[in-house]
């Protein structure tokens, strides 16, 4: 969540605002569990990148992957 500009009220952060997604962001987009996304990563079934020890996803690559028949869970 992030604060509104002048209101001080929390507004939900849209995952589409991000160019780089986390495992949690991808799970929300695919409407599946974080564990399933982690399994897809471990089996190299989804495009991802490692940033140090962290797994990150390109929004554009995930959208292309889905268009080419990637699993929507």
N, C-alpha and C. Protein backbone atom coordinates (compact mmCIF):
# COMPACT_ATOMS: atom_id res chain seq x y z
N UNK A 1 0.84 -1.18 0.00
CA UNK A 1 0.00 0.00 0.00
C UNK A 1 0.88 1.23 0.00
N UNK A 2 0.33 2.29 -0.55
CA UNK A 2 1.05 3.55 -0.51
C UNK A 2 0.09 4.65 -0.11
N UNK A 3 0.63 5.75 0.33
CA UNK A 3 -0.21 6.85 0.75
C UNK A 3 -0.67 7.65 -0.45
N UNK A 4 -1.92 8.15 -0.37
CA UNK A 4 -2.40 9.09 -1.38
C UNK A 4 -1.55 10.34 -1.32
N UNK A 5 -1.51 11.12 -2.37
CA UNK A 5 -0.59 12.26 -2.47
C UNK A 5 -0.78 13.24 -1.32
N UNK A 6 -1.96 13.75 -1.12
CA UNK A 6 -2.16 14.75 -0.08
C UNK A 6 -3.13 14.31 1.01
N UNK A 7 -3.69 13.14 0.89
CA UNK A 7 -4.74 12.74 1.81
C UNK A 7 -4.24 12.02 3.04
N UNK A 8 -3.09 11.38 2.95
CA UNK A 8 -2.59 10.59 4.07
C UNK A 8 -3.35 9.29 4.23
N UNK A 9 -4.23 8.98 3.28
CA UNK A 9 -5.03 7.76 3.31
C UNK A 9 -4.35 6.70 2.48
N UNK A 10 -4.36 5.44 2.96
CA UNK A 10 -3.77 4.34 2.20
C UNK A 10 -4.61 4.03 0.98
N UNK A 11 -3.95 3.86 -0.16
CA UNK A 11 -4.62 3.40 -1.37
C UNK A 11 -3.94 2.13 -1.83
N UNK A 12 -4.69 1.16 -2.33
CA UNK A 12 -4.06 -0.08 -2.76
C UNK A 12 -3.13 0.17 -3.94
N UNK A 13 -1.95 -0.42 -3.88
CA UNK A 13 -0.98 -0.28 -4.95
C UNK A 13 -1.33 -1.28 -6.05
N UNK A 14 -1.48 -0.80 -7.25
CA UNK A 14 -1.80 -1.67 -8.37
C UNK A 14 -0.54 -2.33 -8.87
N UNK A 15 -0.61 -3.63 -9.13
CA UNK A 15 0.59 -4.31 -9.60
C UNK A 15 0.96 -3.86 -11.00
N UNK A 16 0.01 -3.30 -11.74
CA UNK A 16 0.33 -2.83 -13.08
C UNK A 16 1.16 -1.56 -13.05
N UNK A 17 1.27 -0.90 -11.90
CA UNK A 17 2.12 0.27 -11.77
C UNK A 17 3.60 -0.10 -11.76
N UNK A 18 3.89 -1.38 -11.52
CA UNK A 18 5.27 -1.84 -11.40
C UNK A 18 5.75 -2.46 -12.69
N UNK A 19 7.01 -2.24 -13.03
CA UNK A 19 7.63 -2.90 -14.18
C UNK A 19 8.23 -4.24 -13.77
N UNK A 20 8.63 -4.34 -12.52
CA UNK A 20 9.22 -5.56 -11.99
C UNK A 20 8.31 -6.10 -10.90
N UNK A 21 7.93 -7.36 -11.04
CA UNK A 21 7.00 -7.98 -10.11
C UNK A 21 7.70 -8.95 -9.17
N UNK A 22 7.12 -9.12 -8.00
CA UNK A 22 7.57 -10.12 -7.03
C UNK A 22 6.74 -11.40 -7.25
N UNK A 23 7.09 -12.44 -6.52
CA UNK A 23 6.32 -13.69 -6.57
C UNK A 23 4.87 -13.41 -6.18
N UNK A 24 4.67 -12.58 -5.17
CA UNK A 24 3.32 -12.26 -4.71
C UNK A 24 2.53 -11.52 -5.80
N UNK A 25 3.18 -10.61 -6.52
CA UNK A 25 2.52 -9.88 -7.60
C UNK A 25 2.06 -10.83 -8.71
N UNK A 26 2.93 -11.77 -9.08
CA UNK A 26 2.59 -12.73 -10.13
C UNK A 26 1.44 -13.62 -9.66
N UNK A 27 1.46 -14.04 -8.41
CA UNK A 27 0.38 -14.87 -7.88
C UNK A 27 -0.95 -14.12 -7.96
N UNK A 28 -0.95 -12.84 -7.64
CA UNK A 28 -2.18 -12.04 -7.75
C UNK A 28 -2.64 -11.96 -9.20
N UNK A 29 -1.72 -11.71 -10.11
CA UNK A 29 -2.07 -11.60 -11.53
C UNK A 29 -2.62 -12.91 -12.07
N UNK A 30 -2.02 -14.03 -11.68
CA UNK A 30 -2.45 -15.34 -12.17
C UNK A 30 -3.62 -15.92 -11.36
N UNK A 31 -3.95 -15.25 -10.26
CA UNK A 31 -5.02 -15.71 -9.36
C UNK A 31 -4.73 -17.12 -8.85
N UNK A 32 -3.52 -17.28 -8.33
CA UNK A 32 -3.11 -18.57 -7.78
C UNK A 32 -2.25 -18.32 -6.54
N UNK A 33 -1.77 -19.38 -5.95
CA UNK A 33 -0.99 -19.25 -4.72
C UNK A 33 0.47 -18.89 -5.01
N UNK A 34 1.09 -18.30 -4.01
CA UNK A 34 2.52 -17.99 -4.08
C UNK A 34 3.30 -19.29 -4.26
N UNK A 35 2.88 -20.34 -3.56
CA UNK A 35 3.57 -21.64 -3.64
C UNK A 35 3.57 -22.17 -5.07
N UNK A 36 2.46 -22.02 -5.79
CA UNK A 36 2.41 -22.49 -7.18
C UNK A 36 3.37 -21.70 -8.06
N UNK A 37 3.45 -20.40 -7.85
CA UNK A 37 4.40 -19.58 -8.62
C UNK A 37 5.83 -20.04 -8.32
N UNK A 38 6.11 -20.33 -7.06
CA UNK A 38 7.44 -20.81 -6.68
C UNK A 38 7.74 -22.15 -7.36
N UNK A 39 6.75 -23.03 -7.47
CA UNK A 39 6.95 -24.30 -8.17
C UNK A 39 7.22 -24.08 -9.65
N UNK A 40 6.50 -23.14 -10.27
CA UNK A 40 6.73 -22.83 -11.69
C UNK A 40 8.16 -22.34 -11.89
N UNK A 41 8.65 -21.52 -10.96
CA UNK A 41 10.03 -21.02 -11.04
C UNK A 41 11.01 -22.17 -10.90
N UNK A 42 10.80 -23.03 -9.92
CA UNK A 42 11.75 -24.12 -9.66
C UNK A 42 11.82 -25.10 -10.83
N UNK A 43 10.74 -25.17 -11.60
CA UNK A 43 10.70 -26.08 -12.76
C UNK A 43 10.97 -25.35 -14.08
N UNK A 44 11.37 -24.06 -14.00
CA UNK A 44 11.64 -23.23 -15.17
C UNK A 44 10.46 -23.21 -16.14
N UNK A 45 9.25 -23.11 -15.61
CA UNK A 45 8.03 -23.08 -16.43
C UNK A 45 7.51 -21.66 -16.63
N UNK A 46 8.15 -20.67 -16.01
CA UNK A 46 7.72 -19.29 -16.09
C UNK A 46 8.96 -18.41 -16.23
N UNK A 47 8.89 -17.34 -17.04
CA UNK A 47 10.07 -16.48 -17.18
C UNK A 47 10.33 -15.67 -15.91
N UNK A 48 11.56 -15.72 -15.44
CA UNK A 48 11.93 -15.01 -14.21
C UNK A 48 13.40 -14.63 -14.29
N UNK A 49 13.82 -13.80 -13.35
CA UNK A 49 15.23 -13.43 -13.22
C UNK A 49 15.59 -13.47 -11.74
N UNK A 50 16.83 -13.78 -11.47
CA UNK A 50 17.33 -13.76 -10.09
C UNK A 50 18.08 -12.44 -9.89
N UNK A 51 17.75 -11.77 -8.82
CA UNK A 51 18.45 -10.55 -8.41
C UNK A 51 19.05 -10.87 -7.06
N UNK A 52 20.30 -11.30 -7.09
CA UNK A 52 20.90 -11.84 -5.88
C UNK A 52 20.17 -13.13 -5.54
N UNK A 53 19.59 -13.18 -4.36
CA UNK A 53 18.83 -14.37 -3.94
C UNK A 53 17.33 -14.22 -4.22
N UNK A 54 16.93 -13.06 -4.73
CA UNK A 54 15.51 -12.78 -4.94
C UNK A 54 15.07 -13.17 -6.34
N UNK A 55 13.84 -13.62 -6.46
CA UNK A 55 13.25 -13.93 -7.76
C UNK A 55 12.36 -12.75 -8.16
N UNK A 56 12.58 -12.26 -9.37
CA UNK A 56 11.79 -11.14 -9.88
C UNK A 56 11.28 -11.48 -11.27
N UNK A 57 10.21 -10.81 -11.67
CA UNK A 57 9.56 -11.07 -12.95
C UNK A 57 9.36 -9.76 -13.70
N UNK A 58 9.55 -9.80 -15.00
CA UNK A 58 9.25 -8.66 -15.85
C UNK A 58 7.77 -8.71 -16.20
N UNK A 59 7.08 -7.62 -15.95
CA UNK A 59 5.65 -7.55 -16.27
C UNK A 59 5.41 -7.89 -17.74
N UNK A 60 6.20 -7.31 -18.63
CA UNK A 60 6.04 -7.53 -20.07
C UNK A 60 6.27 -9.00 -20.43
N UNK A 61 7.29 -9.61 -19.85
CA UNK A 61 7.58 -11.02 -20.16
C UNK A 61 6.49 -11.95 -19.65
N UNK A 62 5.91 -11.64 -18.49
CA UNK A 62 4.81 -12.46 -17.97
C UNK A 62 3.60 -12.32 -18.88
N UNK A 63 3.30 -11.11 -19.30
CA UNK A 63 2.15 -10.90 -20.19
C UNK A 63 2.36 -11.61 -21.53
N UNK A 64 3.56 -11.56 -22.08
CA UNK A 64 3.87 -12.29 -23.32
C UNK A 64 3.74 -13.79 -23.11
N UNK A 65 4.25 -14.27 -21.98
CA UNK A 65 4.17 -15.69 -21.65
C UNK A 65 2.72 -16.17 -21.59
N UNK A 66 1.85 -15.35 -21.00
CA UNK A 66 0.44 -15.69 -20.93
C UNK A 66 -0.19 -15.73 -22.31
N UNK A 67 0.17 -14.76 -23.16
CA UNK A 67 -0.38 -14.71 -24.52
C UNK A 67 0.06 -15.93 -25.34
N UNK A 68 1.23 -16.47 -25.03
CA UNK A 68 1.75 -17.62 -25.76
C UNK A 68 1.29 -18.94 -25.14
N UNK A 69 0.34 -18.89 -24.23
CA UNK A 69 -0.21 -20.11 -23.67
C UNK A 69 0.28 -20.49 -22.30
N UNK A 70 0.97 -19.57 -21.61
CA UNK A 70 1.42 -19.85 -20.25
C UNK A 70 0.24 -20.13 -19.34
N UNK A 71 0.47 -20.86 -18.29
CA UNK A 71 -0.59 -21.29 -17.37
C UNK A 71 -1.21 -20.12 -16.63
N UNK A 72 -2.50 -20.03 -16.64
CA UNK A 72 -3.23 -19.01 -15.88
C UNK A 72 -3.68 -19.60 -14.54
N UNK A 73 -3.09 -20.70 -14.12
CA UNK A 73 -3.42 -21.43 -12.88
C UNK A 73 -4.83 -21.85 -12.98
